[in-house]
Amino acid sequence: RFARLDIDPETITWNRVTDTSDRFLRAITVGQGSEEKGMTRQTGFDIAVASECMAVLALATSLSDMRERLGRMVVATSRRGEPVTADDLGCGGALTVLMKEAIMPTLMQTLEGTPVFVHAGPFANIAHGNSSIIADRIALKLVGADGFVVTEAGFGADIGGEKFFDIKCRYSGLRPNAAVLVASVRALKTHGNPPDAEN
């Protein structure tokens, strides 16, 4: 199948990724070099948290699960309209090797000395906007039956919160015992759409 993918260049959905937010890189033209043989096309850069790989990392439950998910990512469409995946290109394994260290959460601490796992952070407006299932499971195991774990559920109850309950909790099987909503009086007032919302 690899030799006959017949990818339509106009349907390539994967952008390059950088960890530097540079708006001028959002739209670029590639293939202008003499070695590219006229394969010019429009593409762009995403920042790392906007990458589908970041969303996969946060939902993965193991290295093998991450490998499977990375391989299933659709990267383009053939001229016949068939989806082309990372595994079709033969790069699912290479993606996994590149990210095998990333699957391990980073242990840090707050200023008060509380341990914190920092792991993954996909945008909630394009992905599920939650930290990783793996970090939550490790934290739950470390605190034991009598402990508790606080996890962030994206930004906004309408984006990160809903996706936390609808995607992350359903897939992971984890069930929260409580939810904390942080809201300012100004935000509540603005969402009520009063005539003096700016004051």
N, C-alpha and C. Protein backbone atom coordinates (compact mmCIF):
# COMPACT_ATOMS: atom_id res chain seq x y z
N ARG A 1 0.82 -1.21 0.00
CA ARG A 1 0.00 0.00 0.00
C ARG A 1 0.86 1.26 0.00
N PHE A 2 2.02 1.21 0.67
CA PHE A 2 2.85 2.40 0.82
C PHE A 2 3.23 3.00 -0.54
N ALA A 3 3.56 2.15 -1.52
CA ALA A 3 4.01 2.64 -2.82
C ALA A 3 2.87 3.24 -3.63
N ARG A 4 1.61 2.98 -3.23
CA ARG A 4 0.47 3.45 -4.01
C ARG A 4 -0.45 4.37 -3.22
N LEU A 5 0.11 5.14 -2.32
CA LEU A 5 -0.72 6.01 -1.49
C LEU A 5 -1.37 7.12 -2.30
N ASP A 6 -0.68 7.62 -3.31
CA ASP A 6 -1.22 8.65 -4.20
C ASP A 6 -1.84 9.81 -3.41
N ILE A 7 -1.04 10.38 -2.52
CA ILE A 7 -1.52 11.45 -1.64
C ILE A 7 -1.81 12.72 -2.45
N ASP A 8 -2.94 13.32 -2.15
CA ASP A 8 -3.28 14.61 -2.72
C ASP A 8 -2.60 15.67 -1.85
N PRO A 9 -1.61 16.39 -2.38
CA PRO A 9 -0.86 17.37 -1.56
C PRO A 9 -1.75 18.44 -0.94
N GLU A 10 -2.87 18.71 -1.56
CA GLU A 10 -3.77 19.75 -1.03
C GLU A 10 -4.49 19.30 0.25
N THR A 11 -4.45 18.00 0.54
CA THR A 11 -5.19 17.48 1.70
C THR A 11 -4.30 17.15 2.88
N ILE A 12 -3.01 17.45 2.81
CA ILE A 12 -2.11 17.14 3.92
C ILE A 12 -2.52 18.00 5.12
N THR A 13 -2.87 17.33 6.21
CA THR A 13 -3.38 18.05 7.39
C THR A 13 -2.30 18.31 8.43
N TRP A 14 -1.18 17.63 8.32
CA TRP A 14 -0.13 17.77 9.32
C TRP A 14 0.76 18.96 9.02
N ASN A 15 0.84 19.87 9.96
CA ASN A 15 1.79 20.97 9.87
C ASN A 15 3.06 20.60 10.61
N ARG A 16 4.11 21.32 10.35
CA ARG A 16 5.32 21.18 11.15
C ARG A 16 5.02 21.77 12.53
N VAL A 17 5.84 21.41 13.52
CA VAL A 17 5.59 21.87 14.88
C VAL A 17 6.84 22.51 15.45
N THR A 18 6.64 23.62 16.14
CA THR A 18 7.72 24.30 16.85
C THR A 18 7.21 24.70 18.22
N ASP A 19 8.09 24.87 19.16
CA ASP A 19 7.67 25.29 20.50
C ASP A 19 7.80 26.80 20.67
N THR A 20 8.02 27.50 19.59
CA THR A 20 8.11 28.95 19.62
C THR A 20 6.89 29.52 18.91
N SER A 21 6.16 30.36 19.60
CA SER A 21 4.98 30.96 19.00
C SER A 21 5.40 32.12 18.09
N ASP A 22 5.37 31.89 16.80
CA ASP A 22 5.75 32.90 15.81
C ASP A 22 4.66 32.96 14.76
N ARG A 23 3.85 34.00 14.80
CA ARG A 23 2.69 34.10 13.90
C ARG A 23 3.08 34.10 12.43
N PHE A 24 4.29 34.51 12.11
CA PHE A 24 4.72 34.53 10.71
C PHE A 24 4.95 33.11 10.17
N LEU A 25 5.10 32.14 11.06
CA LEU A 25 5.30 30.76 10.63
C LEU A 25 3.99 29.99 10.48
N ARG A 26 2.86 30.63 10.75
CA ARG A 26 1.59 29.93 10.64
C ARG A 26 1.26 29.57 9.19
N ALA A 27 1.76 30.36 8.26
CA ALA A 27 1.54 30.07 6.84
C ALA A 27 2.87 30.27 6.10
N ILE A 28 3.37 29.18 5.51
CA ILE A 28 4.64 29.24 4.79
C ILE A 28 4.50 28.48 3.48
N THR A 29 5.45 28.66 2.60
CA THR A 29 5.52 27.90 1.35
C THR A 29 6.77 27.03 1.40
N VAL A 30 6.62 25.74 1.12
CA VAL A 30 7.76 24.82 1.11
C VAL A 30 7.96 24.30 -0.31
N GLY A 31 9.12 23.71 -0.53
CA GLY A 31 9.41 23.09 -1.82
C GLY A 31 9.95 24.04 -2.86
N GLN A 32 10.52 25.16 -2.43
CA GLN A 32 11.03 26.14 -3.39
C GLN A 32 12.49 25.90 -3.75
N GLY A 33 13.16 25.01 -3.04
CA GLY A 33 14.56 24.71 -3.33
C GLY A 33 14.71 23.95 -4.63
N SER A 34 15.89 24.03 -5.22
CA SER A 34 16.13 23.36 -6.50
C SER A 34 16.06 21.84 -6.38
N GLU A 35 16.34 21.28 -5.20
CA GLU A 35 16.30 19.84 -5.01
C GLU A 35 14.89 19.29 -4.87
N GLU A 36 13.89 20.16 -4.61
CA GLU A 36 12.53 19.69 -4.37
C GLU A 36 11.75 19.39 -5.64
N LYS A 37 12.32 19.71 -6.80
CA LYS A 37 11.72 19.37 -8.10
C LYS A 37 10.29 19.87 -8.25
N GLY A 38 10.06 21.11 -7.87
CA GLY A 38 8.75 21.72 -8.10
C GLY A 38 7.64 21.25 -7.19
N MET A 39 7.95 20.65 -6.06
CA MET A 39 6.91 20.17 -5.14
C MET A 39 6.53 21.30 -4.16
N THR A 40 6.18 22.44 -4.71
CA THR A 40 5.83 23.61 -3.91
C THR A 40 4.40 23.46 -3.38
N ARG A 41 4.20 23.78 -2.11
CA ARG A 41 2.86 23.79 -1.53
C ARG A 41 2.81 24.70 -0.31
N GLN A 42 1.62 25.11 0.04
CA GLN A 42 1.40 25.94 1.22
C GLN A 42 1.25 25.04 2.44
N THR A 43 1.89 25.41 3.53
CA THR A 43 1.76 24.67 4.79
C THR A 43 1.97 25.67 5.92
N GLY A 44 2.37 25.21 7.08
CA GLY A 44 2.59 26.12 8.19
C GLY A 44 3.13 25.39 9.39
N PHE A 45 3.37 26.13 10.46
CA PHE A 45 3.83 25.59 11.72
C PHE A 45 2.73 25.72 12.77
N ASP A 46 2.59 24.72 13.60
CA ASP A 46 1.75 24.80 14.79
C ASP A 46 2.69 24.83 15.99
N ILE A 47 2.19 25.34 17.14
CA ILE A 47 2.99 25.21 18.35
C ILE A 47 2.70 23.83 18.94
N ALA A 48 3.61 23.33 19.76
CA ALA A 48 3.56 21.95 20.23
C ALA A 48 2.23 21.58 20.87
N VAL A 49 1.65 22.49 21.66
CA VAL A 49 0.40 22.16 22.34
C VAL A 49 -0.78 22.08 21.39
N ALA A 50 -0.61 22.55 20.15
CA ALA A 50 -1.66 22.45 19.15
C ALA A 50 -1.50 21.21 18.28
N SER A 51 -0.48 20.42 18.55
CA SER A 51 -0.20 19.23 17.76
C SER A 51 -1.10 18.06 18.18
N GLU A 52 -1.49 17.26 17.21
CA GLU A 52 -2.27 16.06 17.51
C GLU A 52 -1.46 15.08 18.35
N CYS A 53 -0.15 15.12 18.21
CA CYS A 53 0.71 14.24 19.03
C CYS A 53 0.56 14.57 20.51
N MET A 54 0.37 15.84 20.84
CA MET A 54 0.18 16.25 22.23
C MET A 54 -1.13 15.68 22.76
N ALA A 55 -2.18 15.71 21.96
CA ALA A 55 -3.47 15.16 22.37
C ALA A 55 -3.37 13.66 22.58
N VAL A 56 -2.64 12.98 21.70
CA VAL A 56 -2.44 11.53 21.82
C VAL A 56 -1.67 11.21 23.10
N LEU A 57 -0.62 11.96 23.37
CA LEU A 57 0.18 11.75 24.57
C LEU A 57 -0.68 11.84 25.82
N ALA A 58 -1.55 12.83 25.87
CA ALA A 58 -2.36 13.04 27.07
C ALA A 58 -3.41 11.95 27.27
N LEU A 59 -3.88 11.31 26.19
CA LEU A 59 -4.89 10.26 26.32
C LEU A 59 -4.30 8.85 26.37
N ALA A 60 -3.01 8.73 26.11
CA ALA A 60 -2.38 7.40 26.11
C ALA A 60 -2.34 6.82 27.52
N THR A 61 -2.53 5.50 27.60
CA THR A 61 -2.48 4.83 28.89
C THR A 61 -1.22 4.00 29.05
N SER A 62 -0.47 3.82 27.97
CA SER A 62 0.79 3.06 28.00
C SER A 62 1.56 3.37 26.73
N LEU A 63 2.79 2.88 26.66
CA LEU A 63 3.60 3.09 25.46
C LEU A 63 2.97 2.40 24.26
N SER A 64 2.46 1.20 24.45
CA SER A 64 1.84 0.48 23.32
C SER A 64 0.56 1.17 22.88
N ASP A 65 -0.20 1.72 23.82
CA ASP A 65 -1.41 2.47 23.46
C ASP A 65 -1.04 3.71 22.67
N MET A 66 0.03 4.41 23.10
CA MET A 66 0.46 5.59 22.38
C MET A 66 0.91 5.23 20.97
N ARG A 67 1.63 4.11 20.83
CA ARG A 67 2.08 3.65 19.51
C ARG A 67 0.89 3.41 18.58
N GLU A 68 -0.14 2.78 19.10
CA GLU A 68 -1.34 2.50 18.31
C GLU A 68 -2.05 3.78 17.89
N ARG A 69 -2.18 4.71 18.83
CA ARG A 69 -2.87 5.97 18.55
C ARG A 69 -2.10 6.82 17.54
N LEU A 70 -0.77 6.88 17.70
CA LEU A 70 0.04 7.66 16.76
C LEU A 70 -0.08 7.08 15.35
N GLY A 71 -0.08 5.78 15.23
CA GLY A 71 -0.19 5.14 13.93
C GLY A 71 -1.52 5.37 13.24
N ARG A 72 -2.58 5.58 14.03
CA ARG A 72 -3.92 5.78 13.47
C ARG A 72 -4.20 7.22 13.05
N MET A 73 -3.31 8.14 13.37
CA MET A 73 -3.56 9.54 13.02
C MET A 73 -3.63 9.72 11.51
N VAL A 74 -4.67 10.39 11.06
CA VAL A 74 -4.82 10.66 9.63
C VAL A 74 -4.01 11.91 9.29
N VAL A 75 -3.12 11.79 8.32
CA VAL A 75 -2.23 12.89 7.96
C VAL A 75 -2.56 13.51 6.61
N ALA A 76 -3.35 12.80 5.81
CA ALA A 76 -3.71 13.31 4.48
C ALA A 76 -4.81 12.42 3.91
N THR A 77 -5.19 12.72 2.67
CA THR A 77 -6.18 11.93 1.94
C THR A 77 -5.60 11.61 0.58
N SER A 78 -5.89 10.42 0.08
CA SER A 78 -5.43 10.06 -1.26
C SER A 78 -6.31 10.75 -2.30
N ARG A 79 -5.89 10.71 -3.55
CA ARG A 79 -6.69 11.31 -4.62
C ARG A 79 -8.01 10.58 -4.81
N ARG A 80 -8.11 9.35 -4.29
CA ARG A 80 -9.37 8.59 -4.34
C ARG A 80 -10.25 8.89 -3.15
N GLY A 81 -9.78 9.76 -2.24
CA GLY A 81 -10.57 10.14 -1.08
C GLY A 81 -10.40 9.24 0.12
N GLU A 82 -9.39 8.36 0.11
CA GLU A 82 -9.15 7.46 1.23
C GLU A 82 -8.22 8.12 2.24
N PRO A 83 -8.48 7.95 3.54
CA PRO A 83 -7.58 8.54 4.55
C PRO A 83 -6.21 7.86 4.53
N VAL A 84 -5.17 8.66 4.72
CA VAL A 84 -3.79 8.15 4.79
C VAL A 84 -3.31 8.40 6.22
N THR A 85 -2.90 7.33 6.90
CA THR A 85 -2.48 7.43 8.29
C THR A 85 -0.97 7.45 8.41
N ALA A 86 -0.51 7.73 9.62
CA ALA A 86 0.93 7.70 9.89
C ALA A 86 1.49 6.31 9.66
N ASP A 87 0.73 5.26 10.00
CA ASP A 87 1.18 3.89 9.74
C ASP A 87 1.25 3.60 8.24
N ASP A 88 0.36 4.18 7.45
CA ASP A 88 0.44 4.01 6.00
C ASP A 88 1.75 4.56 5.45
N LEU A 89 2.22 5.63 6.07
CA LEU A 89 3.49 6.23 5.66
C LEU A 89 4.69 5.48 6.26
N GLY A 90 4.41 4.56 7.17
CA GLY A 90 5.48 3.80 7.80
C GLY A 90 6.21 4.57 8.88
N CYS A 91 5.56 5.57 9.48
CA CYS A 91 6.27 6.39 10.47
C CYS A 91 5.65 6.32 11.87
N GLY A 92 4.67 5.46 12.09
CA GLY A 92 4.07 5.34 13.42
C GLY A 92 5.09 4.91 14.47
N GLY A 93 5.94 3.96 14.12
CA GLY A 93 6.98 3.50 15.04
C GLY A 93 8.01 4.58 15.32
N ALA A 94 8.40 5.32 14.27
CA ALA A 94 9.38 6.40 14.46
C ALA A 94 8.81 7.50 15.36
N LEU A 95 7.53 7.82 15.20
CA LEU A 95 6.89 8.81 16.07
C LEU A 95 6.94 8.35 17.53
N THR A 96 6.69 7.07 17.74
CA THR A 96 6.70 6.52 19.09
C THR A 96 8.09 6.61 19.70
N VAL A 97 9.12 6.29 18.91
CA VAL A 97 10.49 6.38 19.41
C VAL A 97 10.83 7.82 19.78
N LEU A 98 10.39 8.78 18.96
CA LEU A 98 10.65 10.19 19.26
C LEU A 98 9.97 10.63 20.56
N MET A 99 8.82 10.00 20.87
CA MET A 99 8.04 10.44 22.02
C MET A 99 8.13 9.49 23.22
N LYS A 100 8.97 8.47 23.14
CA LYS A 100 8.99 7.47 24.22
C LYS A 100 9.42 8.05 25.56
N GLU A 101 10.26 9.07 25.56
CA GLU A 101 10.64 9.72 26.82
C GLU A 101 9.55 10.67 27.30
N ALA A 102 8.79 11.21 26.35
CA ALA A 102 7.75 12.17 26.72
C ALA A 102 6.60 11.52 27.47
N ILE A 103 6.49 10.20 27.39
CA ILE A 103 5.36 9.53 28.07
C ILE A 103 5.54 9.51 29.59
N MET A 104 6.73 9.84 30.06
CA MET A 104 6.98 9.86 31.50
C MET A 104 6.74 11.25 32.07
N PRO A 105 5.81 11.40 33.02
CA PRO A 105 5.53 12.72 33.59
C PRO A 105 6.73 13.31 34.33
N THR A 106 6.77 14.62 34.39
CA THR A 106 7.81 15.33 35.12
C THR A 106 7.32 15.62 36.53
N LEU A 107 8.09 15.22 37.53
CA LEU A 107 7.74 15.50 38.92
C LEU A 107 8.38 16.81 39.34
N MET A 108 7.54 17.73 39.81
CA MET A 108 8.01 19.04 40.29
C MET A 108 7.38 19.28 41.66
N GLN A 109 7.54 20.49 42.19
CA GLN A 109 6.87 20.82 43.44
C GLN A 109 6.45 22.27 43.45
N THR A 110 5.41 22.55 44.20
CA THR A 110 4.93 23.92 44.34
C THR A 110 5.85 24.67 45.30
N LEU A 111 5.64 25.96 45.45
CA LEU A 111 6.41 26.75 46.41
C LEU A 111 6.20 26.27 47.83
N GLU A 112 5.04 25.65 48.10
CA GLU A 112 4.74 25.12 49.43
C GLU A 112 5.31 23.72 49.64
N GLY A 113 5.93 23.13 48.60
CA GLY A 113 6.53 21.82 48.72
C GLY A 113 5.61 20.66 48.34
N THR A 114 4.45 20.96 47.78
CA THR A 114 3.52 19.90 47.36
C THR A 114 4.01 19.30 46.04
N PRO A 115 4.08 17.96 45.95
CA PRO A 115 4.50 17.35 44.68
C PRO A 115 3.48 17.58 43.57
N VAL A 116 3.97 17.79 42.37
CA VAL A 116 3.13 18.07 41.20
C VAL A 116 3.66 17.31 40.00
N PHE A 117 2.78 16.64 39.27
CA PHE A 117 3.16 16.05 37.99
C PHE A 117 2.79 17.03 36.89
N VAL A 118 3.74 17.34 36.03
CA VAL A 118 3.48 18.19 34.87
C VAL A 118 3.62 17.28 33.66
N HIS A 119 2.51 17.09 32.96
CA HIS A 119 2.55 16.16 31.84
C HIS A 119 1.46 16.48 30.82
N ALA A 120 1.89 16.86 29.65
CA ALA A 120 1.02 17.13 28.50
C ALA A 120 0.20 18.40 28.73
N GLY A 121 -0.32 18.92 27.66
CA GLY A 121 -1.11 20.13 27.75
C GLY A 121 -1.70 20.52 26.41
N PRO A 122 -2.49 19.62 25.81
CA PRO A 122 -3.10 19.97 24.52
C PRO A 122 -4.12 21.09 24.67
N PHE A 123 -4.21 21.94 23.69
CA PHE A 123 -5.18 23.04 23.72
C PHE A 123 -6.60 22.49 23.80
N ALA A 124 -7.45 23.14 24.58
CA ALA A 124 -8.82 22.68 24.73
C ALA A 124 -9.70 23.12 23.56
N ASN A 125 -9.28 24.13 22.83
CA ASN A 125 -10.11 24.56 21.71
C ASN A 125 -9.96 23.66 20.48
N ILE A 126 -8.89 22.85 20.43
CA ILE A 126 -8.71 21.94 19.29
C ILE A 126 -8.54 20.49 19.73
N ALA A 127 -8.33 20.26 21.02
CA ALA A 127 -8.17 18.90 21.53
C ALA A 127 -8.99 18.81 22.82
N HIS A 128 -8.56 18.02 23.79
CA HIS A 128 -9.35 17.86 25.00
C HIS A 128 -8.87 18.72 26.16
N GLY A 129 -7.70 19.33 26.06
CA GLY A 129 -7.27 20.33 27.04
C GLY A 129 -7.02 19.85 28.44
N ASN A 130 -6.58 18.61 28.61
CA ASN A 130 -6.35 18.08 29.95
C ASN A 130 -4.96 17.50 30.07
N SER A 131 -4.47 17.42 31.31
CA SER A 131 -3.20 16.76 31.54
C SER A 131 -3.38 15.26 31.31
N SER A 132 -2.31 14.51 31.40
CA SER A 132 -2.34 13.12 30.95
C SER A 132 -3.02 12.16 31.92
N ILE A 133 -3.57 11.11 31.35
CA ILE A 133 -4.15 10.01 32.13
C ILE A 133 -3.06 9.32 32.93
N ILE A 134 -1.89 9.15 32.32
CA ILE A 134 -0.78 8.48 33.01
C ILE A 134 -0.38 9.23 34.28
N ALA A 135 -0.27 10.55 34.20
CA ALA A 135 0.10 11.34 35.39
C ALA A 135 -0.95 11.19 36.48
N ASP A 136 -2.22 11.21 36.11
CA ASP A 136 -3.29 11.05 37.12
C ASP A 136 -3.22 9.68 37.78
N ARG A 137 -2.99 8.64 36.98
CA ARG A 137 -2.94 7.28 37.54
C ARG A 137 -1.73 7.10 38.47
N ILE A 138 -0.59 7.66 38.08
CA ILE A 138 0.60 7.58 38.95
C ILE A 138 0.34 8.32 40.26
N ALA A 139 -0.24 9.52 40.14
CA ALA A 139 -0.52 10.32 41.34
C ALA A 139 -1.49 9.59 42.26
N LEU A 140 -2.54 8.99 41.70
CA LEU A 140 -3.50 8.26 42.53
C LEU A 140 -2.86 7.07 43.24
N LYS A 141 -1.95 6.41 42.55
CA LYS A 141 -1.25 5.27 43.16
C LYS A 141 -0.35 5.75 44.30
N LEU A 142 0.32 6.88 44.11
CA LEU A 142 1.25 7.39 45.13
C LEU A 142 0.54 7.89 46.38
N VAL A 143 -0.62 8.52 46.24
CA VAL A 143 -1.31 9.07 47.42
C VAL A 143 -2.05 8.00 48.19
N GLY A 144 -2.33 6.86 47.56
CA GLY A 144 -3.01 5.77 48.26
C GLY A 144 -4.50 5.99 48.41
N ALA A 145 -5.14 5.07 49.10
CA ALA A 145 -6.60 5.08 49.22
C ALA A 145 -7.12 6.28 50.01
N ASP A 146 -6.35 6.81 50.94
CA ASP A 146 -6.82 7.92 51.77
C ASP A 146 -6.41 9.29 51.23
N GLY A 147 -5.62 9.32 50.17
CA GLY A 147 -5.15 10.60 49.64
C GLY A 147 -6.08 11.15 48.58
N PHE A 148 -5.71 12.31 48.05
CA PHE A 148 -6.50 12.89 46.96
C PHE A 148 -5.56 13.52 45.93
N VAL A 149 -6.04 13.62 44.72
CA VAL A 149 -5.28 14.20 43.61
C VAL A 149 -6.10 15.31 43.00
N VAL A 150 -5.47 16.46 42.77
CA VAL A 150 -6.12 17.57 42.08
C VAL A 150 -5.55 17.61 40.67
N THR A 151 -6.42 17.60 39.67
CA THR A 151 -5.97 17.66 38.29
C THR A 151 -6.67 18.80 37.57
N GLU A 152 -5.97 19.45 36.68
CA GLU A 152 -6.54 20.57 35.94
C GLU A 152 -7.33 20.05 34.75
N ALA A 153 -8.45 20.67 34.49
CA ALA A 153 -9.31 20.26 33.38
C ALA A 153 -9.40 21.38 32.35
N GLY A 154 -8.29 21.74 31.76
CA GLY A 154 -8.31 22.73 30.68
C GLY A 154 -8.66 24.11 31.15
N PHE A 155 -8.99 24.97 30.18
CA PHE A 155 -9.39 26.32 30.54
C PHE A 155 -10.86 26.52 30.17
N GLY A 156 -11.63 26.90 31.16
CA GLY A 156 -13.05 27.13 30.93
C GLY A 156 -13.88 25.86 31.13
N ALA A 157 -15.00 26.01 31.81
CA ALA A 157 -15.89 24.86 32.03
C ALA A 157 -16.50 24.39 30.72
N ASP A 158 -16.66 25.31 29.76
CA ASP A 158 -17.29 24.95 28.50
C ASP A 158 -16.35 24.24 27.54
N ILE A 159 -15.07 24.34 27.75
CA ILE A 159 -14.13 23.65 26.87
C ILE A 159 -13.42 22.54 27.64
N GLY A 160 -12.50 22.91 28.52
CA GLY A 160 -11.72 21.92 29.24
C GLY A 160 -12.54 21.08 30.19
N GLY A 161 -13.46 21.69 30.91
CA GLY A 161 -14.27 20.95 31.87
C GLY A 161 -15.14 19.90 31.23
N GLU A 162 -15.88 20.29 30.20
CA GLU A 162 -16.74 19.33 29.51
C GLU A 162 -15.94 18.20 28.90
N LYS A 163 -14.81 18.54 28.30
CA LYS A 163 -13.98 17.51 27.68
C LYS A 163 -13.32 16.61 28.71
N PHE A 164 -13.06 17.14 29.89
CA PHE A 164 -12.53 16.32 30.98
C PHE A 164 -13.53 15.21 31.31
N PHE A 165 -14.80 15.59 31.50
CA PHE A 165 -15.81 14.60 31.86
C PHE A 165 -16.18 13.71 30.67
N ASP A 166 -16.33 14.31 29.50
CA ASP A 166 -16.84 13.57 28.34
C ASP A 166 -15.79 12.72 27.63
N ILE A 167 -14.53 13.12 27.69
CA ILE A 167 -13.49 12.38 26.97
C ILE A 167 -12.53 11.69 27.94
N LYS A 168 -11.84 12.48 28.74
CA LYS A 168 -10.78 11.90 29.59
C LYS A 168 -11.34 10.92 30.61
N CYS A 169 -12.40 11.30 31.32
CA CYS A 169 -12.95 10.40 32.34
C CYS A 169 -13.53 9.14 31.71
N ARG A 170 -14.22 9.27 30.60
CA ARG A 170 -14.80 8.09 29.96
C ARG A 170 -13.73 7.13 29.47
N TYR A 171 -12.69 7.67 28.86
CA TYR A 171 -11.66 6.80 28.32
C TYR A 171 -10.81 6.17 29.42
N SER A 172 -10.48 6.96 30.45
CA SER A 172 -9.58 6.47 31.50
C SER A 172 -10.28 5.59 32.52
N GLY A 173 -11.59 5.77 32.66
CA GLY A 173 -12.31 5.04 33.70
C GLY A 173 -12.22 5.71 35.06
N LEU A 174 -11.51 6.84 35.14
CA LEU A 174 -11.38 7.57 36.40
C LEU A 174 -12.62 8.43 36.63
N ARG A 175 -13.07 8.49 37.88
CA ARG A 175 -14.26 9.27 38.23
C ARG A 175 -13.91 10.25 39.33
N PRO A 176 -14.08 11.54 39.06
CA PRO A 176 -13.76 12.53 40.11
C PRO A 176 -14.81 12.51 41.21
N ASN A 177 -14.38 12.81 42.43
CA ASN A 177 -15.30 12.90 43.56
C ASN A 177 -15.79 14.32 43.78
N ALA A 178 -15.11 15.29 43.20
CA ALA A 178 -15.51 16.69 43.36
C ALA A 178 -14.97 17.49 42.18
N ALA A 179 -15.59 18.63 41.94
CA ALA A 179 -15.12 19.56 40.91
C ALA A 179 -15.08 20.95 41.50
N VAL A 180 -14.05 21.70 41.17
CA VAL A 180 -13.91 23.07 41.65
C VAL A 180 -13.97 24.00 40.45
N LEU A 181 -14.91 24.92 40.48
CA LEU A 181 -15.01 25.93 39.42
C LEU A 181 -14.45 27.24 39.95
N VAL A 182 -13.55 27.83 39.21
CA VAL A 182 -12.98 29.12 39.60
C VAL A 182 -13.63 30.19 38.73
N ALA A 183 -14.30 31.13 39.37
CA ALA A 183 -14.98 32.18 38.62
C ALA A 183 -14.88 33.50 39.37
N SER A 184 -14.68 34.55 38.63
CA SER A 184 -14.66 35.88 39.24
C SER A 184 -16.05 36.51 39.13
N VAL A 185 -16.33 37.48 39.96
CA VAL A 185 -17.61 38.18 39.89
C VAL A 185 -17.74 38.85 38.53
N ARG A 186 -16.64 39.39 38.04
CA ARG A 186 -16.68 40.04 36.72
C ARG A 186 -17.04 39.05 35.62
N ALA A 187 -16.46 37.84 35.68
CA ALA A 187 -16.77 36.83 34.66
C ALA A 187 -18.23 36.43 34.73
N LEU A 188 -18.74 36.21 35.94
CA LEU A 188 -20.15 35.84 36.08
C LEU A 188 -21.05 36.95 35.58
N LYS A 189 -20.68 38.17 35.87
CA LYS A 189 -21.45 39.32 35.42
C LYS A 189 -21.44 39.42 33.89
N THR A 190 -20.27 39.21 33.29
CA THR A 190 -20.14 39.29 31.84
C THR A 190 -20.95 38.19 31.15
N HIS A 191 -20.95 37.00 31.70
CA HIS A 191 -21.70 35.89 31.09
C HIS A 191 -23.21 36.11 31.20
N GLY A 192 -23.62 36.97 32.13
CA GLY A 192 -25.04 37.32 32.22
C GLY A 192 -25.45 38.37 31.22
N ASN A 193 -24.47 38.94 30.50
CA ASN A 193 -24.67 39.94 29.45
C ASN A 193 -25.44 41.18 29.90
N PRO A 194 -25.02 41.80 31.02
CA PRO A 194 -25.71 43.03 31.45
C PRO A 194 -25.26 44.20 30.58
N PRO A 195 -26.04 45.29 30.58
CA PRO A 195 -25.66 46.45 29.74
C PRO A 195 -24.37 47.12 30.19
N ASP A 196 -24.01 47.01 31.46
CA ASP A 196 -22.78 47.64 31.97
C ASP A 196 -21.69 46.61 32.22
N ALA A 197 -21.54 45.62 31.35
CA ALA A 197 -20.59 44.52 31.55
C ALA A 197 -19.16 44.99 31.60
N GLU A 198 -18.83 46.08 30.96
CA GLU A 198 -17.44 46.56 30.91
C GLU A 198 -17.02 47.20 32.22
N ASN A 199 -17.93 47.53 33.10
CA ASN A 199 -17.58 48.23 34.35
C ASN A 199 -17.23 47.26 35.45
